[in-house]
Amino acid sequence: MQKSRGLRGEEAGTRAPPSPGVPPKRAKVGAGGGAAAGGGPAAGAPVFLRPLKDAAVFVGCDVRLRVVVSGTPQPSLSWFRDGQLLPPPAPEPSCLWLRNCGAQDAGKYSCRAQNERGQACCEALVTVLEVGGNGELGAGWVIRGPGLPGPRG
């Protein structure tokens, strides 16, 4: 019985270390990417680990624009719609919620991350879709967004 207890203890010992090792691996990827990319003084410049993605939303619905950024020191984020500065989102600076979307919400959104070592930007197009009178997209659908084609007929 002592042998099997010893084996179980050894097995448990080999299983336990990988779990605590997971967060350092994630941190190493973010930090290693910055150091490998620039080394030296640019090592802490902002980098988007998750940039903005294009989104389409129906009129009256909500959409969340989210980024993940790394940098040392922690970068500050600024949000823009069609080049115009937007108020900082609260409570999460990395998530911009567009609530009850309408045609005025369509456009090109961008996020700028900046710290003393540099800056990075990413952008995405938000399209607002209207549903026709029958509740389905069809011949009556309308896409509102810059540079997008109208309905095909």
N, C-alpha and C. Protein backbone atom coordinates (compact mmCIF):
# COMPACT_ATOMS: atom_id res chain seq x y z
N MET A 1 0.81 -1.20 0.00
CA MET A 1 0.00 0.00 0.00
C MET A 1 0.85 1.26 0.00
N GLN A 2 1.97 1.21 0.66
CA GLN A 2 2.83 2.38 0.70
C GLN A 2 3.35 2.71 -0.68
N LYS A 3 3.61 1.65 -1.49
CA LYS A 3 4.08 1.91 -2.83
C LYS A 3 3.03 2.67 -3.64
N SER A 4 1.77 2.25 -3.56
CA SER A 4 0.75 2.92 -4.36
C SER A 4 0.53 4.35 -3.86
N ARG A 5 0.65 4.57 -2.55
CA ARG A 5 0.55 5.94 -2.05
C ARG A 5 1.69 6.79 -2.58
N GLY A 6 2.87 6.21 -2.61
CA GLY A 6 4.03 6.92 -3.14
C GLY A 6 3.83 7.27 -4.61
N LEU A 7 3.27 6.34 -5.39
CA LEU A 7 3.02 6.60 -6.80
C LEU A 7 1.98 7.69 -6.98
N ARG A 8 0.95 7.59 -6.17
CA ARG A 8 -0.08 8.63 -6.28
C ARG A 8 0.50 10.01 -5.94
N GLY A 9 1.31 10.06 -4.94
CA GLY A 9 1.94 11.32 -4.56
C GLY A 9 2.83 11.84 -5.67
N GLU A 10 3.58 10.95 -6.31
CA GLU A 10 4.44 11.37 -7.42
C GLU A 10 3.61 11.83 -8.60
N GLU A 11 2.52 11.08 -8.88
CA GLU A 11 1.65 11.48 -9.99
C GLU A 11 1.03 12.84 -9.72
N ALA A 12 0.56 13.02 -8.49
CA ALA A 12 -0.04 14.31 -8.15
C ALA A 12 1.02 15.42 -8.23
N GLY A 13 2.25 15.09 -7.83
CA GLY A 13 3.31 16.08 -7.90
C GLY A 13 3.63 16.50 -9.32
N THR A 14 3.53 15.57 -10.27
CA THR A 14 3.82 15.92 -11.66
C THR A 14 2.64 16.64 -12.29
N ARG A 15 1.47 16.47 -11.78
CA ARG A 15 0.30 17.16 -12.34
C ARG A 15 0.18 18.58 -11.79
N ALA A 16 0.55 18.80 -10.57
CA ALA A 16 0.35 20.11 -9.94
C ALA A 16 1.18 21.22 -10.58
N PRO A 17 2.46 21.04 -10.88
CA PRO A 17 3.24 22.16 -11.40
C PRO A 17 2.72 22.78 -12.70
N PRO A 18 2.15 22.03 -13.67
CA PRO A 18 1.70 22.70 -14.89
C PRO A 18 0.62 23.77 -14.67
N SER A 19 -0.27 23.59 -13.70
CA SER A 19 -1.33 24.58 -13.48
C SER A 19 -0.76 25.94 -13.09
N PRO A 20 0.13 26.00 -12.10
CA PRO A 20 0.71 27.32 -11.79
C PRO A 20 1.55 27.87 -12.93
N GLY A 21 2.01 27.03 -13.84
CA GLY A 21 2.82 27.49 -14.95
C GLY A 21 2.03 28.17 -16.05
N VAL A 22 0.69 28.06 -16.07
CA VAL A 22 -0.11 28.63 -17.15
C VAL A 22 -0.04 30.15 -17.18
N PRO A 23 -0.27 30.87 -16.08
CA PRO A 23 -0.18 32.34 -16.17
C PRO A 23 1.18 32.85 -16.62
N PRO A 24 2.30 32.30 -16.14
CA PRO A 24 3.58 32.79 -16.65
C PRO A 24 3.73 32.59 -18.16
N LYS A 25 3.18 31.51 -18.70
CA LYS A 25 3.25 31.31 -20.14
C LYS A 25 2.50 32.42 -20.86
N ARG A 26 1.33 32.77 -20.39
CA ARG A 26 0.57 33.85 -21.02
C ARG A 26 1.31 35.17 -20.91
N ALA A 27 1.84 35.45 -19.73
CA ALA A 27 2.58 36.70 -19.54
C ALA A 27 3.83 36.71 -20.41
N LYS A 28 4.48 35.56 -20.54
CA LYS A 28 5.71 35.48 -21.33
C LYS A 28 5.43 35.76 -22.80
N VAL A 29 4.27 35.31 -23.31
CA VAL A 29 3.92 35.55 -24.71
C VAL A 29 3.79 37.05 -24.96
N GLY A 30 3.06 37.76 -24.09
CA GLY A 30 2.89 39.21 -24.27
C GLY A 30 4.19 39.96 -24.10
N ALA A 31 4.93 39.65 -23.06
CA ALA A 31 6.19 40.34 -22.81
C ALA A 31 7.25 39.93 -23.83
N GLY A 32 7.28 38.65 -24.15
CA GLY A 32 8.27 38.17 -25.11
C GLY A 32 8.03 38.77 -26.49
N GLY A 33 6.76 38.93 -26.87
CA GLY A 33 6.45 39.51 -28.17
C GLY A 33 6.98 40.92 -28.29
N GLY A 34 6.84 41.71 -27.21
CA GLY A 34 7.34 43.08 -27.25
C GLY A 34 8.86 43.12 -27.26
N ALA A 35 9.49 42.28 -26.47
CA ALA A 35 10.94 42.28 -26.40
C ALA A 35 11.54 41.76 -27.70
N ALA A 36 10.94 40.73 -28.28
CA ALA A 36 11.47 40.17 -29.52
C ALA A 36 11.26 41.13 -30.68
N ALA A 37 10.13 41.85 -30.66
CA ALA A 37 9.83 42.74 -31.77
C ALA A 37 10.76 43.94 -31.79
N GLY A 38 11.00 44.55 -30.61
CA GLY A 38 11.78 45.77 -30.64
C GLY A 38 13.04 45.71 -29.82
N GLY A 39 13.03 44.93 -28.73
CA GLY A 39 14.16 44.92 -27.83
C GLY A 39 14.38 46.32 -27.27
N GLY A 40 15.34 46.53 -26.49
CA GLY A 40 15.77 47.84 -25.98
C GLY A 40 14.65 48.78 -25.63
N PRO A 41 14.76 50.06 -26.07
CA PRO A 41 13.83 51.09 -25.63
C PRO A 41 12.40 50.90 -26.11
N ALA A 42 12.17 50.23 -27.23
CA ALA A 42 10.81 50.07 -27.73
C ALA A 42 10.10 48.86 -27.14
N ALA A 43 10.76 48.14 -26.22
CA ALA A 43 10.20 46.91 -25.68
C ALA A 43 8.85 47.13 -25.01
N GLY A 44 8.59 48.30 -24.44
CA GLY A 44 7.33 48.55 -23.74
C GLY A 44 6.31 49.31 -24.56
N ALA A 45 6.56 49.52 -25.85
CA ALA A 45 5.60 50.22 -26.70
C ALA A 45 4.31 49.42 -26.79
N PRO A 46 3.16 50.08 -26.91
CA PRO A 46 1.88 49.37 -26.96
C PRO A 46 1.79 48.42 -28.15
N VAL A 47 1.16 47.29 -27.91
CA VAL A 47 0.90 46.28 -28.94
C VAL A 47 -0.52 45.77 -28.73
N PHE A 48 -1.31 45.73 -29.80
CA PHE A 48 -2.65 45.18 -29.69
C PHE A 48 -2.58 43.66 -29.80
N LEU A 49 -2.91 42.98 -28.72
CA LEU A 49 -2.97 41.53 -28.72
C LEU A 49 -4.29 41.08 -29.34
N ARG A 50 -5.32 41.91 -29.21
CA ARG A 50 -6.62 41.67 -29.84
C ARG A 50 -7.08 43.01 -30.41
N PRO A 51 -6.92 43.19 -31.72
CA PRO A 51 -7.37 44.46 -32.33
C PRO A 51 -8.88 44.46 -32.55
N LEU A 52 -9.40 45.61 -32.94
CA LEU A 52 -10.82 45.73 -33.26
C LEU A 52 -11.17 44.86 -34.46
N LYS A 53 -12.43 44.43 -34.51
CA LYS A 53 -12.93 43.65 -35.63
C LYS A 53 -14.17 44.33 -36.19
N ASP A 54 -14.35 44.26 -37.52
CA ASP A 54 -15.56 44.80 -38.13
C ASP A 54 -16.78 44.16 -37.49
N ALA A 55 -17.87 44.94 -37.41
CA ALA A 55 -19.09 44.44 -36.79
C ALA A 55 -20.30 44.94 -37.55
N ALA A 56 -21.34 44.11 -37.57
CA ALA A 56 -22.63 44.50 -38.14
C ALA A 56 -23.67 44.29 -37.04
N VAL A 57 -24.56 45.24 -36.91
CA VAL A 57 -25.56 45.19 -35.85
C VAL A 57 -26.89 45.68 -36.41
N PHE A 58 -27.99 45.11 -35.93
CA PHE A 58 -29.32 45.55 -36.33
C PHE A 58 -29.70 46.81 -35.56
N VAL A 59 -30.52 47.64 -36.18
CA VAL A 59 -31.03 48.84 -35.53
C VAL A 59 -31.67 48.45 -34.20
N GLY A 60 -31.36 49.19 -33.16
CA GLY A 60 -31.94 48.94 -31.84
C GLY A 60 -31.17 47.95 -30.99
N CYS A 61 -30.16 47.30 -31.56
CA CYS A 61 -29.37 46.32 -30.80
C CYS A 61 -28.08 46.96 -30.29
N ASP A 62 -27.40 46.23 -29.42
CA ASP A 62 -26.14 46.68 -28.84
C ASP A 62 -24.98 45.94 -29.49
N VAL A 63 -23.83 46.58 -29.50
CA VAL A 63 -22.60 45.93 -29.97
C VAL A 63 -21.45 46.40 -29.08
N ARG A 64 -20.51 45.49 -28.85
CA ARG A 64 -19.36 45.82 -28.02
C ARG A 64 -18.11 45.76 -28.89
N LEU A 65 -17.33 46.82 -28.86
CA LEU A 65 -16.02 46.86 -29.51
C LEU A 65 -14.99 46.69 -28.40
N ARG A 66 -14.13 45.67 -28.54
CA ARG A 66 -13.21 45.33 -27.46
C ARG A 66 -11.80 45.15 -28.01
N VAL A 67 -10.83 45.64 -27.24
CA VAL A 67 -9.43 45.45 -27.58
C VAL A 67 -8.70 44.88 -26.37
N VAL A 68 -7.58 44.23 -26.64
CA VAL A 68 -6.65 43.81 -25.59
C VAL A 68 -5.30 44.36 -26.02
N VAL A 69 -4.69 45.12 -25.12
CA VAL A 69 -3.43 45.78 -25.45
C VAL A 69 -2.42 45.53 -24.34
N SER A 70 -1.15 45.42 -24.73
CA SER A 70 -0.10 45.30 -23.71
C SER A 70 0.92 46.38 -23.96
N GLY A 71 1.67 46.69 -22.93
CA GLY A 71 2.72 47.69 -23.02
C GLY A 71 3.18 48.06 -21.62
N THR A 72 4.40 48.57 -21.53
CA THR A 72 4.94 48.99 -20.24
C THR A 72 5.55 50.38 -20.41
N PRO A 73 5.06 51.36 -19.66
CA PRO A 73 3.95 51.30 -18.71
C PRO A 73 2.61 51.07 -19.41
N GLN A 74 1.59 50.76 -18.61
CA GLN A 74 0.26 50.47 -19.14
C GLN A 74 -0.20 51.60 -20.07
N PRO A 75 -0.54 51.27 -21.32
CA PRO A 75 -0.96 52.31 -22.26
C PRO A 75 -2.33 52.89 -21.91
N SER A 76 -2.52 54.16 -22.24
CA SER A 76 -3.84 54.77 -22.13
C SER A 76 -4.53 54.60 -23.49
N LEU A 77 -5.85 54.44 -23.47
CA LEU A 77 -6.62 54.20 -24.69
C LEU A 77 -7.47 55.41 -25.03
N SER A 78 -7.55 55.72 -26.31
CA SER A 78 -8.44 56.76 -26.83
C SER A 78 -9.27 56.14 -27.94
N TRP A 79 -10.57 56.45 -27.96
CA TRP A 79 -11.50 55.90 -28.94
C TRP A 79 -11.98 57.00 -29.87
N PHE A 80 -12.15 56.65 -31.15
CA PHE A 80 -12.58 57.60 -32.17
C PHE A 80 -13.66 56.98 -33.06
N ARG A 81 -14.59 57.81 -33.54
CA ARG A 81 -15.54 57.41 -34.58
C ARG A 81 -15.38 58.40 -35.72
N ASP A 82 -15.05 57.88 -36.89
CA ASP A 82 -14.82 58.71 -38.07
C ASP A 82 -13.85 59.86 -37.77
N GLY A 83 -12.81 59.56 -36.99
CA GLY A 83 -11.77 60.53 -36.69
C GLY A 83 -12.08 61.46 -35.54
N GLN A 84 -13.29 61.41 -34.99
CA GLN A 84 -13.67 62.29 -33.89
C GLN A 84 -13.49 61.57 -32.55
N LEU A 85 -12.81 62.23 -31.62
CA LEU A 85 -12.56 61.65 -30.30
C LEU A 85 -13.88 61.41 -29.57
N LEU A 86 -14.00 60.22 -28.98
CA LEU A 86 -15.19 59.85 -28.20
C LEU A 86 -14.86 59.95 -26.71
N PRO A 87 -15.88 60.14 -25.87
CA PRO A 87 -15.63 60.13 -24.42
C PRO A 87 -15.07 58.77 -24.00
N PRO A 88 -14.19 58.74 -23.01
CA PRO A 88 -13.63 57.46 -22.57
C PRO A 88 -14.72 56.54 -22.04
N PRO A 89 -14.71 55.27 -22.45
CA PRO A 89 -15.73 54.35 -21.95
C PRO A 89 -15.48 53.99 -20.49
N ALA A 90 -16.57 53.82 -19.75
CA ALA A 90 -16.48 53.41 -18.35
C ALA A 90 -17.41 52.22 -18.17
N PRO A 91 -17.12 51.28 -17.34
CA PRO A 91 -15.98 51.23 -16.42
C PRO A 91 -14.73 50.62 -17.03
N GLU A 92 -14.85 50.00 -18.22
CA GLU A 92 -13.70 49.34 -18.84
C GLU A 92 -13.18 50.16 -20.02
N PRO A 93 -11.99 50.72 -19.92
CA PRO A 93 -11.46 51.51 -21.03
C PRO A 93 -11.21 50.68 -22.30
N SER A 94 -11.12 49.35 -22.16
CA SER A 94 -10.83 48.50 -23.32
C SER A 94 -12.10 48.02 -24.04
N CYS A 95 -13.28 48.40 -23.55
CA CYS A 95 -14.55 47.99 -24.17
C CYS A 95 -15.43 49.20 -24.43
N LEU A 96 -15.76 49.40 -25.68
CA LEU A 96 -16.66 50.49 -26.06
C LEU A 96 -18.00 49.85 -26.43
N TRP A 97 -19.03 50.17 -25.66
CA TRP A 97 -20.38 49.64 -25.93
C TRP A 97 -21.16 50.67 -26.74
N LEU A 98 -21.79 50.21 -27.81
CA LEU A 98 -22.72 51.04 -28.58
C LEU A 98 -24.10 50.46 -28.28
N ARG A 99 -24.92 51.22 -27.61
CA ARG A 99 -26.23 50.73 -27.17
C ARG A 99 -27.34 51.30 -28.05
N ASN A 100 -28.36 50.46 -28.28
CA ASN A 100 -29.54 50.88 -29.05
C ASN A 100 -29.09 51.55 -30.36
N CYS A 101 -28.33 50.83 -31.14
CA CYS A 101 -27.70 51.39 -32.34
C CYS A 101 -28.70 51.94 -33.35
N GLY A 102 -28.30 53.02 -33.96
CA GLY A 102 -29.05 53.63 -35.05
C GLY A 102 -28.08 54.00 -36.16
N ALA A 103 -28.60 54.61 -37.22
CA ALA A 103 -27.77 54.96 -38.37
C ALA A 103 -26.60 55.86 -37.96
N GLN A 104 -26.78 56.68 -36.93
CA GLN A 104 -25.72 57.59 -36.49
C GLN A 104 -24.53 56.85 -35.90
N ASP A 105 -24.69 55.58 -35.55
CA ASP A 105 -23.60 54.80 -34.96
C ASP A 105 -22.72 54.11 -35.99
N ALA A 106 -23.16 54.08 -37.25
CA ALA A 106 -22.36 53.45 -38.31
C ALA A 106 -21.13 54.30 -38.57
N GLY A 107 -20.03 53.64 -38.89
CA GLY A 107 -18.82 54.38 -39.24
C GLY A 107 -17.57 53.60 -38.95
N LYS A 108 -16.44 54.29 -39.07
CA LYS A 108 -15.13 53.69 -38.82
C LYS A 108 -14.72 54.05 -37.39
N TYR A 109 -14.54 53.02 -36.58
CA TYR A 109 -14.11 53.20 -35.20
C TYR A 109 -12.63 52.84 -35.09
N SER A 110 -11.92 53.60 -34.28
CA SER A 110 -10.51 53.30 -34.07
C SER A 110 -10.17 53.46 -32.60
N CYS A 111 -9.13 52.75 -32.21
CA CYS A 111 -8.64 52.82 -30.84
C CYS A 111 -7.14 53.08 -30.91
N ARG A 112 -6.68 54.05 -30.14
CA ARG A 112 -5.26 54.37 -30.08
C ARG A 112 -4.76 54.06 -28.68
N ALA A 113 -3.71 53.26 -28.60
CA ALA A 113 -3.04 52.95 -27.33
C ALA A 113 -1.74 53.73 -27.32
N GLN A 114 -1.48 54.42 -26.21
CA GLN A 114 -0.30 55.28 -26.15
C GLN A 114 0.32 55.23 -24.76
N ASN A 115 1.65 55.14 -24.75
CA ASN A 115 2.41 55.33 -23.51
C ASN A 115 3.69 56.08 -23.86
N GLU A 116 4.57 56.25 -22.89
CA GLU A 116 5.78 57.04 -23.14
C GLU A 116 6.73 56.39 -24.13
N ARG A 117 6.50 55.11 -24.45
CA ARG A 117 7.40 54.41 -25.37
C ARG A 117 6.86 54.30 -26.79
N GLY A 118 5.66 54.80 -27.03
CA GLY A 118 5.12 54.76 -28.38
C GLY A 118 3.61 54.68 -28.41
N GLN A 119 3.09 54.39 -29.59
CA GLN A 119 1.64 54.25 -29.75
C GLN A 119 1.33 53.23 -30.83
N ALA A 120 0.10 52.71 -30.78
CA ALA A 120 -0.39 51.77 -31.78
C ALA A 120 -1.86 52.07 -32.00
N CYS A 121 -2.35 51.81 -33.20
CA CYS A 121 -3.76 52.05 -33.54
C CYS A 121 -4.34 50.83 -34.23
N CYS A 122 -5.63 50.67 -34.08
CA CYS A 122 -6.36 49.66 -34.85
C CYS A 122 -7.73 50.24 -35.15
N GLU A 123 -8.39 49.71 -36.19
CA GLU A 123 -9.69 50.25 -36.57
C GLU A 123 -10.58 49.15 -37.11
N ALA A 124 -11.89 49.46 -37.12
CA ALA A 124 -12.88 48.52 -37.63
C ALA A 124 -14.08 49.31 -38.13
N LEU A 125 -14.82 48.70 -39.00
CA LEU A 125 -16.02 49.30 -39.56
C LEU A 125 -17.25 48.74 -38.86
N VAL A 126 -18.13 49.62 -38.39
CA VAL A 126 -19.40 49.21 -37.79
C VAL A 126 -20.50 49.54 -38.77
N THR A 127 -21.28 48.51 -39.11
CA THR A 127 -22.39 48.65 -40.05
C THR A 127 -23.69 48.45 -39.29
N VAL A 128 -24.68 49.31 -39.54
CA VAL A 128 -25.99 49.19 -38.90
C VAL A 128 -26.98 48.71 -39.94
N LEU A 129 -27.66 47.60 -39.64
CA LEU A 129 -28.61 46.98 -40.57
C LEU A 129 -30.04 47.27 -40.14
N GLU A 130 -30.88 47.61 -41.12
CA GLU A 130 -32.31 47.78 -40.85
C GLU A 130 -33.05 46.57 -41.38
N VAL A 131 -34.08 46.17 -40.65
CA VAL A 131 -34.91 45.06 -41.08
C VAL A 131 -36.14 45.63 -41.78
N GLY A 132 -36.50 45.00 -42.90
CA GLY A 132 -37.69 45.45 -43.65
C GLY A 132 -38.97 45.23 -42.86
N GLY A 133 -40.09 45.65 -43.41
CA GLY A 133 -41.39 45.55 -42.75
C GLY A 133 -41.80 44.13 -42.42
N ASN A 134 -41.33 43.13 -43.17
CA ASN A 134 -41.73 41.75 -42.91
C ASN A 134 -40.84 41.08 -41.86
N GLY A 135 -39.88 41.81 -41.30
CA GLY A 135 -39.04 41.26 -40.26
C GLY A 135 -37.85 40.47 -40.78
N GLU A 136 -37.67 40.42 -42.10
CA GLU A 136 -36.54 39.68 -42.66
C GLU A 136 -35.72 40.59 -43.54
N LEU A 137 -34.45 40.25 -43.66
CA LEU A 137 -33.62 40.94 -44.63
C LEU A 137 -33.97 40.40 -46.00
N GLY A 138 -34.18 41.25 -46.92
CA GLY A 138 -34.51 40.82 -48.27
C GLY A 138 -34.32 42.00 -49.20
N ALA A 139 -35.25 42.16 -50.13
CA ALA A 139 -35.13 43.25 -51.09
C ALA A 139 -35.17 44.61 -50.40
N GLY A 140 -35.78 44.67 -49.23
CA GLY A 140 -35.92 45.96 -48.54
C GLY A 140 -34.81 46.27 -47.57
N TRP A 141 -33.77 45.45 -47.50
CA TRP A 141 -32.74 45.72 -46.49
C TRP A 141 -31.92 46.94 -46.86
N VAL A 142 -31.42 47.56 -45.82
CA VAL A 142 -30.59 48.76 -45.99
C VAL A 142 -29.35 48.59 -45.13
N ILE A 143 -28.20 48.83 -45.72
CA ILE A 143 -26.96 48.85 -44.94
C ILE A 143 -26.50 50.29 -44.89
N ARG A 144 -26.24 50.75 -43.70
CA ARG A 144 -25.75 52.11 -43.55
C ARG A 144 -24.34 52.06 -43.03
N GLY A 145 -23.47 52.59 -43.80
CA GLY A 145 -22.07 52.64 -43.42
C GLY A 145 -21.30 53.26 -44.55
N PRO A 146 -20.17 53.88 -44.24
CA PRO A 146 -19.41 54.56 -45.27
C PRO A 146 -18.85 53.58 -46.31
N GLY A 147 -19.04 53.93 -47.57
CA GLY A 147 -18.44 53.16 -48.66
C GLY A 147 -19.06 51.80 -48.91
N LEU A 148 -20.25 51.55 -48.37
CA LEU A 148 -20.88 50.25 -48.57
C LEU A 148 -21.95 50.35 -49.66
N PRO A 149 -22.11 49.29 -50.42
CA PRO A 149 -23.12 49.32 -51.49
C PRO A 149 -24.52 49.25 -50.89
N GLY A 150 -25.50 49.69 -51.65
CA GLY A 150 -26.89 49.62 -51.24
C GLY A 150 -27.48 48.27 -51.57
N PRO A 151 -28.78 48.11 -51.42
CA PRO A 151 -29.43 46.82 -51.67
C PRO A 151 -29.36 46.44 -53.15
N ARG A 152 -29.32 45.15 -53.36
CA ARG A 152 -29.36 44.65 -54.74
C ARG A 152 -30.80 44.40 -55.10
N GLY A 153 -31.16 44.71 -56.28
CA GLY A 153 -32.57 44.60 -56.60
C GLY A 153 -32.77 43.83 -57.80
